[in-house]
Amino acid sequence: MSRTMDNQGRNFWACPLEFRGHGWMEWDDYTPTPNGREKSGVVDKLRALESSLDVIEKELYLCKIELERVTKENNNLKETLKNESMQRRCLTKCLKSIFVSLVL
């Protein structure tokens, strides 16, 4: 973010154009005070917000990785169950054949 001055000499914080529309808060509006300067603590609040956004972005990335891992594991389990079910059916058919041949 950058500190900018409007045509009347008032200060405000502006979000860089490349971040607009990408989940960043825009600070186009200046925060007027009686002496025409931004309120104290605005810079600290902006830095804290930026830091919080970084933490959230990292957490979302880790969640995405975990979701991909769990999805892959789930797909592997589905495949394993499918294979086991096929094996069970084959074994059942074999046992029926053996039983029928023993009875006859």
PDB file of N, CA and C in Angstrom:
ATOM      1  N   MET A   1       0.844  -1.174   0.000  1.00  0.00           N
ATOM      2  CA  MET A   1       0.000   0.000   0.000  1.00  0.00           C
ATOM      3  C   MET A   1       0.885   1.231   0.000  1.00  0.00           C
ATOM      4  N   SER A   2       0.353   2.294  -0.526  1.00  0.00           N
ATOM      5  CA  SER A   2       1.160   3.497  -0.621  1.00  0.00           C
ATOM      6  C   SER A   2       0.396   4.685  -0.057  1.00  0.00           C
ATOM      7  N   ARG A   3       1.161   5.600   0.461  1.00  0.00           N
ATOM      8  CA  ARG A   3       0.579   6.828   0.972  1.00  0.00           C
ATOM      9  C   ARG A   3       0.435   7.780  -0.204  1.00  0.00           C
ATOM     10  N   THR A   4      -0.743   8.367  -0.337  1.00  0.00           N
ATOM     11  CA  THR A   4      -1.024   9.216  -1.482  1.00  0.00           C
ATOM     12  C   THR A   4      -1.681  10.495  -1.004  1.00  0.00           C
ATOM     13  N   MET A   5      -1.603  11.520  -1.824  1.00  0.00           N
ATOM     14  CA  MET A   5      -2.220  12.792  -1.487  1.00  0.00           C
ATOM     15  C   MET A   5      -3.202  13.141  -2.601  1.00  0.00           C
ATOM     16  N   ASP A   6      -4.403  13.592  -2.226  1.00  0.00           N
ATOM     17  CA  ASP A   6      -5.354  13.968  -3.269  1.00  0.00           C
ATOM     18  C   ASP A   6      -5.090  15.398  -3.726  1.00  0.00           C
ATOM     19  N   ASN A   7      -5.935  15.901  -4.643  1.00  0.00           N
ATOM     20  CA  ASN A   7      -5.681  17.233  -5.211  1.00  0.00           C
ATOM     21  C   ASN A   7      -5.908  18.368  -4.224  1.00  0.00           C
ATOM     22  N   GLN A   8      -6.449  18.066  -3.047  1.00  0.00           N
ATOM     23  CA  GLN A   8      -6.639  19.091  -2.028  1.00  0.00           C
ATOM     24  C   GLN A   8      -5.608  18.977  -0.911  1.00  0.00           C
ATOM     25  N   GLY A   9      -4.607  18.130  -1.101  1.00  0.00           N
ATOM     26  CA  GLY A   9      -3.539  18.011  -0.121  1.00  0.00           C
ATOM     27  C   GLY A   9      -3.849  17.106   1.052  1.00  0.00           C
ATOM     28  N   ARG A  10      -4.919  16.308   0.957  1.00  0.00           N
ATOM     29  CA  ARG A  10      -5.268  15.408   2.047  1.00  0.00           C
ATOM     30  C   ARG A  10      -4.580  14.063   1.835  1.00  0.00           C
ATOM     31  N   ASN A  11      -4.151  13.452   2.928  1.00  0.00           N
ATOM     32  CA  ASN A  11      -3.460  12.163   2.860  1.00  0.00           C
ATOM     33  C   ASN A  11      -4.452  11.012   2.955  1.00  0.00           C
ATOM     34  N   PHE A  12      -4.151   9.928   2.270  1.00  0.00           N
ATOM     35  CA  PHE A  12      -4.904   8.696   2.422  1.00  0.00           C
ATOM     36  C   PHE A  12      -4.030   7.544   1.965  1.00  0.00           C
ATOM     37  N   TRP A  13      -4.459   6.319   2.307  1.00  0.00           N
ATOM     38  CA  TRP A  13      -3.723   5.117   1.916  1.00  0.00           C
ATOM     39  C   TRP A  13      -4.438   4.489   0.736  1.00  0.00           C
ATOM     40  N   ALA A  14      -3.695   4.155  -0.290  1.00  0.00           N
ATOM     41  CA  ALA A  14      -4.295   3.566  -1.487  1.00  0.00           C
ATOM     42  C   ALA A  14      -3.765   2.157  -1.703  1.00  0.00           C
ATOM     43  N   CYS A  15      -4.647   1.299  -2.103  1.00  0.00           N
ATOM     44  CA  CYS A  15      -4.261  -0.068  -2.441  1.00  0.00           C
ATOM     45  C   CYS A  15      -3.670  -0.051  -3.847  1.00  0.00           C
ATOM     46  N   PRO A  16      -2.511  -0.679  -4.063  1.00  0.00           N
ATOM     47  CA  PRO A  16      -1.937  -0.711  -5.411  1.00  0.00           C
ATOM     48  C   PRO A  16      -2.909  -1.346  -6.406  1.00  0.00           C
ATOM     49  N   LEU A  17      -2.914  -0.863  -7.617  1.00  0.00           N
ATOM     50  CA  LEU A  17      -3.852  -1.338  -8.627  1.00  0.00           C
ATOM     51  C   LEU A  17      -3.760  -2.839  -8.859  1.00  0.00           C
ATOM     52  N   GLU A  18      -2.549  -3.398  -8.788  1.00  0.00           N
ATOM     53  CA  GLU A  18      -2.413  -4.825  -9.091  1.00  0.00           C
ATOM     54  C   GLU A  18      -3.106  -5.716  -8.064  1.00  0.00           C
ATOM     55  N   PHE A  19      -3.460  -5.180  -6.883  1.00  0.00           N
ATOM     56  CA  PHE A  19      -4.121  -5.990  -5.862  1.00  0.00           C
ATOM     57  C   PHE A  19      -5.636  -5.805  -5.857  1.00  0.00           C
ATOM     58  N   ARG A  20      -6.143  -4.850  -6.593  1.00  0.00           N
ATOM     59  CA  ARG A  20      -7.581  -4.592  -6.564  1.00  0.00           C
ATOM     60  C   ARG A  20      -8.345  -5.770  -7.131  1.00  0.00           C
ATOM     61  N   GLY A  21      -9.410  -6.115  -6.447  1.00  0.00           N
ATOM     62  CA  GLY A  21     -10.235  -7.215  -6.904  1.00  0.00           C
ATOM     63  C   GLY A  21      -9.672  -8.583  -6.575  1.00  0.00           C
ATOM     64  N   HIS A  22      -8.625  -8.649  -5.769  1.00  0.00           N
ATOM     65  CA  HIS A  22      -8.023  -9.933  -5.417  1.00  0.00           C
ATOM     66  C   HIS A  22      -8.124 -10.184  -3.922  1.00  0.00           C
ATOM     67  N   GLY A  23      -9.170  -9.682  -3.298  1.00  0.00           N
ATOM     68  CA  GLY A  23      -9.382  -9.925  -1.888  1.00  0.00           C
ATOM     69  C   GLY A  23      -8.693  -8.925  -0.974  1.00  0.00           C
ATOM     70  N   TRP A  24      -8.009  -7.954  -1.545  1.00  0.00           N
ATOM     71  CA  TRP A  24      -7.358  -6.937  -0.725  1.00  0.00           C
ATOM     72  C   TRP A  24      -8.348  -5.821  -0.454  1.00  0.00           C
ATOM     73  N   MET A  25      -8.257  -5.230   0.730  1.00  0.00           N
ATOM     74  CA  MET A  25      -9.118  -4.100   1.050  1.00  0.00           C
ATOM     75  C   MET A  25      -8.565  -2.857   0.372  1.00  0.00           C
ATOM     76  N   GLU A  26      -9.442  -2.072  -0.183  1.00  0.00           N
ATOM     77  CA  GLU A  26      -9.001  -0.843  -0.824  1.00  0.00           C
ATOM     78  C   GLU A  26      -9.106   0.303   0.175  1.00  0.00           C
ATOM     79  N   TRP A  27      -8.098   1.122   0.203  1.00  0.00           N
ATOM     80  CA  TRP A  27      -8.050   2.242   1.126  1.00  0.00           C
ATOM     81  C   TRP A  27      -8.059   3.541   0.335  1.00  0.00           C
ATOM     82  N   ASP A  28      -9.024   3.665  -0.576  1.00  0.00           N
ATOM     83  CA  ASP A  28      -9.077   4.853  -1.421  1.00  0.00           C
ATOM     84  C   ASP A  28      -9.603   6.069  -0.668  1.00  0.00           C
ATOM     85  N   ASP A  29     -10.372   5.835   0.346  1.00  0.00           N
ATOM     86  CA  ASP A  29     -10.961   6.969   1.068  1.00  0.00           C
ATOM     87  C   ASP A  29     -10.017   7.464   2.149  1.00  0.00           C
ATOM     88  N   TYR A  30      -9.755   8.745   2.127  1.00  0.00           N
ATOM     89  CA  TYR A  30      -8.913   9.308   3.181  1.00  0.00           C
ATOM     90  C   TYR A  30      -9.737   9.381   4.455  1.00  0.00           C
ATOM     91  N   THR A  31      -9.067   9.428   5.571  1.00  0.00           N
ATOM     92  CA  THR A  31      -9.737   9.529   6.862  1.00  0.00           C
ATOM     93  C   THR A  31      -9.490  10.934   7.404  1.00  0.00           C
ATOM     94  N   PRO A  32     -10.420  11.850   7.193  1.00  0.00           N
ATOM     95  CA  PRO A  32     -10.175  13.240   7.586  1.00  0.00           C
ATOM     96  C   PRO A  32     -10.216  13.441   9.102  1.00  0.00           C
ATOM     97  N   THR A  33      -9.433  14.354   9.576  1.00  0.00           N
ATOM     98  CA  THR A  33      -9.449  14.804  10.964  1.00  0.00           C
ATOM     99  C   THR A  33      -9.451  16.326  10.917  1.00  0.00           C
ATOM    100  N   PRO A  34      -9.661  16.974  12.042  1.00  0.00           N
ATOM    101  CA  PRO A  34      -9.720  18.446  12.011  1.00  0.00           C
ATOM    102  C   PRO A  34      -8.481  19.102  11.379  1.00  0.00           C
ATOM    103  N   ASN A  35      -7.304  18.496  11.542  1.00  0.00           N
ATOM    104  CA  ASN A  35      -6.107  19.115  10.974  1.00  0.00           C
ATOM    105  C   ASN A  35      -5.774  18.566   9.580  1.00  0.00           C
ATOM    106  N   GLY A  36      -6.655  17.727   9.005  1.00  0.00           N
ATOM    107  CA  GLY A  36      -6.458  17.250   7.641  1.00  0.00           C
ATOM    108  C   GLY A  36      -5.526  16.060   7.501  1.00  0.00           C
ATOM    109  N   ARG A  37      -5.101  15.455   8.594  1.00  0.00           N
ATOM    110  CA  ARG A  37      -4.205  14.294   8.515  1.00  0.00           C
ATOM    111  C   ARG A  37      -4.961  13.029   8.883  1.00  0.00           C
ATOM    112  N   GLU A  38      -4.375  11.895   8.510  1.00  0.00           N
ATOM    113  CA  GLU A  38      -5.031  10.633   8.838  1.00  0.00           C
ATOM    114  C   GLU A  38      -4.992  10.409  10.350  1.00  0.00           C
ATOM    115  N   LYS A  39      -5.940   9.652  10.840  1.00  0.00           N
ATOM    116  CA  LYS A  39      -6.005   9.367  12.269  1.00  0.00           C
ATOM    117  C   LYS A  39      -4.775   8.584  12.694  1.00  0.00           C
ATOM    118  N   SER A  40      -4.347   8.798  13.916  1.00  0.00           N
ATOM    119  CA  SER A  40      -3.188   8.054  14.411  1.00  0.00           C
ATOM    120  C   SER A  40      -3.551   6.582  14.537  1.00  0.00           C
ATOM    121  N   GLY A  41      -2.586   5.728  14.270  1.00  0.00           N
ATOM    122  CA  GLY A  41      -2.799   4.297  14.384  1.00  0.00           C
ATOM    123  C   GLY A  41      -3.266   3.627  13.104  1.00  0.00           C
ATOM    124  N   VAL A  42      -3.573   4.408  12.080  1.00  0.00           N
ATOM    125  CA  VAL A  42      -4.041   3.821  10.824  1.00  0.00           C
ATOM    126  C   VAL A  42      -2.961   2.935  10.216  1.00  0.00           C
ATOM    127  N   VAL A  43      -1.725   3.408  10.234  1.00  0.00           N
ATOM    128  CA  VAL A  43      -0.623   2.639   9.653  1.00  0.00           C
ATOM    129  C   VAL A  43      -0.457   1.317  10.394  1.00  0.00           C
ATOM    130  N   ASP A  44      -0.513   1.377  11.719  1.00  0.00           N
ATOM    131  CA  ASP A  44      -0.386   0.149  12.512  1.00  0.00           C
ATOM    132  C   ASP A  44      -1.532  -0.820  12.221  1.00  0.00           C
ATOM    133  N   LYS A  45      -2.743  -0.282  12.092  1.00  0.00           N
ATOM    134  CA  LYS A  45      -3.893  -1.133  11.788  1.00  0.00           C
ATOM    135  C   LYS A  45      -3.745  -1.773  10.414  1.00  0.00           C
ATOM    136  N   LEU A  46      -3.262  -1.002   9.457  1.00  0.00           N
ATOM    137  CA  LEU A  46      -3.069  -1.544   8.109  1.00  0.00           C
ATOM    138  C   LEU A  46      -2.012  -2.641   8.107  1.00  0.00           C
ATOM    139  N   ARG A  47      -0.936  -2.428   8.834  1.00  0.00           N
ATOM    140  CA  ARG A  47       0.114  -3.452   8.914  1.00  0.00           C
ATOM    141  C   ARG A  47      -0.407  -4.719   9.590  1.00  0.00           C
ATOM    142  N   ALA A  48      -1.212  -4.535  10.640  1.00  0.00           N
ATOM    143  CA  ALA A  48      -1.788  -5.692  11.330  1.00  0.00           C
ATOM    144  C   ALA A  48      -2.731  -6.460  10.403  1.00  0.00           C
ATOM    145  N   LEU A  49      -3.528  -5.724   9.624  1.00  0.00           N
ATOM    146  CA  LEU A  49      -4.420  -6.376   8.662  1.00  0.00           C
ATOM    147  C   LEU A  49      -3.629  -7.140   7.608  1.00  0.00           C
ATOM    148  N   GLU A  50      -2.562  -6.524   7.123  1.00  0.00           N
ATOM    149  CA  GLU A  50      -1.730  -7.176   6.112  1.00  0.00           C
ATOM    150  C   GLU A  50      -1.105  -8.453   6.675  1.00  0.00           C
ATOM    151  N   SER A  51      -0.638  -8.370   7.916  1.00  0.00           N
ATOM    152  CA  SER A  51      -0.057  -9.543   8.570  1.00  0.00           C
ATOM    153  C   SER A  51      -1.111 -10.637   8.749  1.00  0.00           C
ATOM    154  N   SER A  52      -2.312 -10.245   9.155  1.00  0.00           N
ATOM    155  CA  SER A  52      -3.403 -11.212   9.318  1.00  0.00           C
ATOM    156  C   SER A  52      -3.749 -11.871   7.990  1.00  0.00           C
ATOM    157  N   LEU A  53      -3.771 -11.084   6.922  1.00  0.00           N
ATOM    158  CA  LEU A  53      -4.061 -11.638   5.597  1.00  0.00           C
ATOM    159  C   LEU A  53      -3.000 -12.647   5.180  1.00  0.00           C
ATOM    160  N   ASP A  54      -1.740 -12.357   5.491  1.00  0.00           N
ATOM    161  CA  ASP A  54      -0.661 -13.300   5.171  1.00  0.00           C
ATOM    162  C   ASP A  54      -0.863 -14.623   5.905  1.00  0.00           C
ATOM    163  N   VAL A  55      -1.217 -14.534   7.188  1.00  0.00           N
ATOM    164  CA  VAL A  55      -1.441 -15.746   7.990  1.00  0.00           C
ATOM    165  C   VAL A  55      -2.620 -16.542   7.424  1.00  0.00           C
ATOM    166  N   ILE A  56      -3.699 -15.846   7.093  1.00  0.00           N
ATOM    167  CA  ILE A  56      -4.880 -16.515   6.541  1.00  0.00           C
ATOM    168  C   ILE A  56      -4.546 -17.176   5.209  1.00  0.00           C
ATOM    169  N   GLU A  57      -3.783 -16.476   4.372  1.00  0.00           N
ATOM    170  CA  GLU A  57      -3.396 -17.034   3.077  1.00  0.00           C
ATOM    171  C   GLU A  57      -2.578 -18.319   3.257  1.00  0.00           C
ATOM    172  N   LYS A  58      -1.645 -18.317   4.215  1.00  0.00           N
ATOM    173  CA  LYS A  58      -0.839 -19.516   4.477  1.00  0.00           C
ATOM    174  C   LYS A  58      -1.711 -20.662   4.987  1.00  0.00           C
ATOM    175  N   GLU A  59      -2.658 -20.352   5.883  1.00  0.00           N
ATOM    176  CA  GLU A  59      -3.554 -21.378   6.416  1.00  0.00           C
ATOM    177  C   GLU A  59      -4.425 -21.970   5.310  1.00  0.00           C
ATOM    178  N   LEU A  60      -4.917 -21.118   4.414  1.00  0.00           N
ATOM    179  CA  LEU A  60      -5.720 -21.612   3.301  1.00  0.00           C
ATOM    180  C   LEU A  60      -4.908 -22.527   2.394  1.00  0.00           C
ATOM    181  N   TYR A  61      -3.650 -22.178   2.166  1.00  0.00           N
ATOM    182  CA  TYR A  61      -2.780 -23.011   1.335  1.00  0.00           C
ATOM    183  C   TYR A  61      -2.571 -24.378   1.986  1.00  0.00           C
ATOM    184  N   LEU A  62      -2.328 -24.384   3.304  1.00  0.00           N
ATOM    185  CA  LEU A  62      -2.151 -25.653   4.017  1.00  0.00           C
ATOM    186  C   LEU A  62      -3.433 -26.487   3.990  1.00  0.00           C
ATOM    187  N   CYS A  63      -4.585 -25.827   4.107  1.00  0.00           N
ATOM    188  CA  CYS A  63      -5.865 -26.538   4.031  1.00  0.00           C
ATOM    189  C   CYS A  63      -6.056 -27.150   2.649  1.00  0.00           C
ATOM    190  N   LYS A  64      -5.658 -26.419   1.618  1.00  0.00           N
ATOM    191  CA  LYS A  64      -5.773 -26.928   0.245  1.00  0.00           C
ATOM    192  C   LYS A  64      -4.921 -28.182   0.077  1.00  0.00           C
ATOM    193  N   ILE A  65      -3.691 -28.144   0.580  1.00  0.00           N
ATOM    194  CA  ILE A  65      -2.798 -29.300   0.484  1.00  0.00           C
ATOM    195  C   ILE A  65      -3.391 -30.489   1.240  1.00  0.00           C
ATOM    196  N   GLU A  66      -3.920 -30.245   2.437  1.00  0.00           N
ATOM    197  CA  GLU A  66      -4.518 -31.323   3.236  1.00  0.00           C
ATOM    198  C   GLU A  66      -5.745 -31.903   2.527  1.00  0.00           C
ATOM    199  N   LEU A  67      -6.560 -31.047   1.932  1.00  0.00           N
ATOM    200  CA  LEU A  67      -7.735 -31.516   1.202  1.00  0.00           C
ATOM    201  C   LEU A  67      -7.327 -32.393   0.021  1.00  0.00           C
ATOM    202  N   GLU A  68      -6.289 -31.990  -0.703  1.00  0.00           N
ATOM    203  CA  GLU A  68      -5.800 -32.800  -1.822  1.00  0.00           C
ATOM    204  C   GLU A  68      -5.298 -34.161  -1.334  1.00  0.00           C
ATOM    205  N   ARG A  69      -4.596 -34.168  -0.204  1.00  0.00           N
ATOM    206  CA  ARG A  69      -4.078 -35.421   0.355  1.00  0.00           C
ATOM    207  C   ARG A  69      -5.225 -36.347   0.765  1.00  0.00           C
ATOM    208  N   VAL A  70      -6.209 -35.791   1.459  1.00  0.00           N
ATOM    209  CA  VAL A  70      -7.341 -36.591   1.928  1.00  0.00           C
ATOM    210  C   VAL A  70      -8.159 -37.109   0.740  1.00  0.00           C
ATOM    211  N   THR A  71      -8.318 -36.284  -0.278  1.00  0.00           N
ATOM    212  CA  THR A  71      -9.048 -36.711  -1.473  1.00  0.00           C
ATOM    213  C   THR A  71      -8.340 -37.872  -2.153  1.00  0.00           C
ATOM    214  N   LYS A  72      -7.020 -37.770  -2.264  1.00  0.00           N
ATOM    215  CA  LYS A  72      -6.244 -38.848  -2.881  1.00  0.00           C
ATOM    216  C   LYS A  72      -6.363 -40.131  -2.046  1.00  0.00           C
ATOM    217  N   GLU A  73      -6.257 -39.989  -0.733  1.00  0.00           N
ATOM    218  CA  GLU A  73      -6.384 -41.149   0.156  1.00  0.00           C
ATOM    219  C   GLU A  73      -7.774 -41.772   0.038  1.00  0.00           C
ATOM    220  N   ASN A  74      -8.791 -40.924  -0.041  1.00  0.00           N
ATOM    221  CA  ASN A  74     -10.164 -41.400  -0.186  1.00  0.00           C
ATOM    222  C   ASN A  74     -10.331 -42.175  -1.495  1.00  0.00           C
ATOM    223  N   ASN A  75      -9.763 -41.643  -2.571  1.00  0.00           N
ATOM    224  CA  ASN A  75      -9.844 -42.336  -3.860  1.00  0.00           C
ATOM    225  C   ASN A  75      -9.127 -43.680  -3.810  1.00  0.00           C
ATOM    226  N   ASN A  76      -7.981 -43.717  -3.131  1.00  0.00           N
ATOM    227  CA  ASN A  76      -7.253 -44.984  -2.979  1.00  0.00           C
ATOM    228  C   ASN A  76      -8.076 -46.003  -2.192  1.00  0.00           C
ATOM    229  N   LEU A  77      -8.740 -45.538  -1.130  1.00  0.00           N
ATOM    230  CA  LEU A  77      -9.582 -46.440  -0.337  1.00  0.00           C
ATOM    231  C   LEU A  77     -10.763 -46.962  -1.153  1.00  0.00           C
ATOM    232  N   LYS A  78     -11.353 -46.092  -1.969  1.00  0.00           N
ATOM    233  CA  LYS A  78     -12.458 -46.532  -2.827  1.00  0.00           C
ATOM    234  C   LYS A  78     -11.985 -47.622  -3.784  1.00  0.00           C
ATOM    235  N   GLU A  79     -10.813 -47.426  -4.361  1.00  0.00           N
ATOM    236  CA  GLU A  79     -10.258 -48.414  -5.293  1.00  0.00           C
ATOM    237  C   GLU A  79      -9.974 -49.733  -4.573  1.00  0.00           C
ATOM    238  N   THR A  80      -9.427 -49.637  -3.366  1.00  0.00           N
ATOM    239  CA  THR A  80      -9.145 -50.840  -2.579  1.00  0.00           C
ATOM    240  C   THR A  80     -10.434 -51.598  -2.266  1.00  0.00           C
ATOM    241  N   LEU A  81     -11.468 -50.878  -1.851  1.00  0.00           N
ATOM    242  CA  LEU A  81     -12.754 -51.520  -1.554  1.00  0.00           C
ATOM    243  C   LEU A  81     -13.345 -52.177  -2.795  1.00  0.00           C
ATOM    244  N   LYS A  82     -13.212 -51.507  -3.920  1.00  0.00           N
ATOM    245  CA  LYS A  82     -13.711 -52.061  -5.176  1.00  0.00           C
ATOM    246  C   LYS A  82     -12.988 -53.369  -5.498  1.00  0.00           C
ATOM    247  N   ASN A  83     -11.655 -53.366  -5.350  1.00  0.00           N
ATOM    248  CA  ASN A  83     -10.863 -54.574  -5.616  1.00  0.00           C
ATOM    249  C   ASN A  83     -11.214 -55.703  -4.645  1.00  0.00           C
ATOM    250  N   GLU A  84     -11.369 -55.359  -3.370  1.00  0.00           N
ATOM    251  CA  GLU A  84     -11.719 -56.374  -2.373  1.00  0.00           C
ATOM    252  C   GLU A  84     -13.093 -56.967  -2.652  1.00  0.00           C
ATOM    253  N   SER A  85     -14.014 -56.135  -3.097  1.00  0.00           N
ATOM    254  CA  SER A  85     -15.355 -56.615  -3.418  1.00  0.00           C
ATOM    255  C   SER A  85     -15.309 -57.592  -4.591  1.00  0.00           C
ATOM    256  N   MET A  86     -14.506 -57.268  -5.602  1.00  0.00           N
ATOM    257  CA  MET A  86     -14.356 -58.170  -6.748  1.00  0.00           C
ATOM    258  C   MET A  86     -13.726 -59.487  -6.314  1.00  0.00           C
ATOM    259  N   GLN A  87     -12.722 -59.428  -5.460  1.00  0.00           N
ATOM    260  CA  GLN A  87     -12.064 -60.643  -4.970  1.00  0.00           C
ATOM    261  C   GLN A  87     -13.045 -61.500  -4.172  1.00  0.00           C
ATOM    262  N   ARG A  88     -13.874 -60.849  -3.371  1.00  0.00           N
ATOM    263  CA  ARG A  88     -14.854 -61.568  -2.563  1.00  0.00           C
ATOM    264  C   ARG A  88     -15.853 -62.292  -3.465  1.00  0.00           C
ATOM    265  N   ARG A  89     -16.300 -61.618  -4.529  1.00  0.00           N
ATOM    266  CA  ARG A  89     -17.236 -62.252  -5.456  1.00  0.00           C
ATOM    267  C   ARG A  89     -16.602 -63.467  -6.137  1.00  0.00           C
ATOM    268  N   CYS A  90     -15.344 -63.316  -6.570  1.00  0.00           N
ATOM    269  CA  CYS A  90     -14.639 -64.440  -7.209  1.00  0.00           C
ATOM    270  C   CYS A  90     -14.484 -65.611  -6.243  1.00  0.00           C
ATOM    271  N   LEU A  91     -14.106 -65.300  -5.020  1.00  0.00           N
ATOM    272  CA  LEU A  91     -13.937 -66.346  -4.008  1.00  0.00           C
ATOM    273  C   LEU A  91     -15.262 -67.051  -3.730  1.00  0.00           C
ATOM    274  N   THR A  92     -16.338 -66.288  -3.665  1.00  0.00           N
ATOM    275  CA  THR A  92     -17.663 -66.865  -3.435  1.00  0.00           C
ATOM    276  C   THR A  92     -18.042 -67.813  -4.570  1.00  0.00           C
ATOM    277  N   LYS A  93     -17.789 -67.401  -5.809  1.00  0.00           N
ATOM    278  CA  LYS A  93     -18.087 -68.264  -6.961  1.00  0.00           C
ATOM    279  C   LYS A  93     -17.267 -69.552  -6.901  1.00  0.00           C
ATOM    280  N   CYS A  94     -15.990 -69.426  -6.575  1.00  0.00           N
ATOM    281  CA  CYS A  94     -15.122 -70.610  -6.472  1.00  0.00           C
ATOM    282  C   CYS A  94     -15.620 -71.562  -5.393  1.00  0.00           C
ATOM    283  N   LEU A  95     -15.973 -71.015  -4.245  1.00  0.00           N
ATOM    284  CA  LEU A  95     -16.466 -71.851  -3.148  1.00  0.00           C
ATOM    285  C   LEU A  95     -17.773 -72.539  -3.522  1.00  0.00           C
ATOM    286  N   LYS A  96     -18.648 -71.838  -4.235  1.00  0.00           N
ATOM    287  CA  LYS A  96     -19.900 -72.454  -4.676  1.00  0.00           C
ATOM    288  C   LYS A  96     -19.611 -73.607  -5.629  1.00  0.00           C
ATOM    289  N   SER A  97     -18.667 -73.388  -6.542  1.00  0.00           N
ATOM    290  CA  SER A  97     -18.302 -74.447  -7.500  1.00  0.00           C
ATOM    291  C   SER A  97     -17.762 -75.667  -6.770  1.00  0.00           C
ATOM    292  N   ILE A  98     -16.893 -75.435  -5.817  1.00  0.00           N
ATOM    293  CA  ILE A  98     -16.312 -76.541  -5.043  1.00  0.00           C
ATOM    294  C   ILE A  98     -17.408 -77.267  -4.270  1.00  0.00           C
ATOM    295  N   PHE A  99     -18.280 -76.522  -3.645  1.00  0.00           N
ATOM    296  CA  PHE A  99     -19.360 -77.133  -2.874  1.00  0.00           C
ATOM    297  C   PHE A  99     -20.269 -77.964  -3.771  1.00  0.00           C
ATOM    298  N   VAL A 100     -20.632 -77.405  -4.926  1.00  0.00           N
ATOM    299  CA  VAL A 100     -21.498 -78.121  -5.868  1.00  0.00           C
ATOM    300  C   VAL A 100     -20.819 -79.401  -6.338  1.00  0.00           C
ATOM    301  N   SER A 101     -19.530 -79.343  -6.653  1.00  0.00           N
ATOM    302  CA  SER A 101     -18.813 -80.541  -7.112  1.00  0.00           C
ATOM    303  C   SER A 101     -18.697 -81.579  -5.993  1.00  0.00           C
ATOM    304  N   LEU A 102     -18.595 -81.154  -4.760  1.00  0.00           N
ATOM    305  CA  LEU A 102     -18.519 -82.094  -3.639  1.00  0.00           C
ATOM    306  C   LEU A 102     -19.868 -82.765  -3.390  1.00  0.00           C
ATOM    307  N   VAL A 103     -20.915 -82.031  -3.539  1.00  0.00           N
ATOM    308  CA  VAL A 103     -22.252 -82.557  -3.290  1.00  0.00           C
ATOM    309  C   VAL A 103     -22.628 -83.558  -4.376  1.00  0.00           C
ATOM    310  N   LEU A 104     -22.246 -83.293  -5.586  1.00  0.00           N
ATOM    311  CA  LEU A 104     -22.606 -84.203  -6.677  1.00  0.00           C
ATOM    312  C   LEU A 104     -21.686 -85.361  -6.627  1.00  0.00           C
TER     313      LEU A 104
END
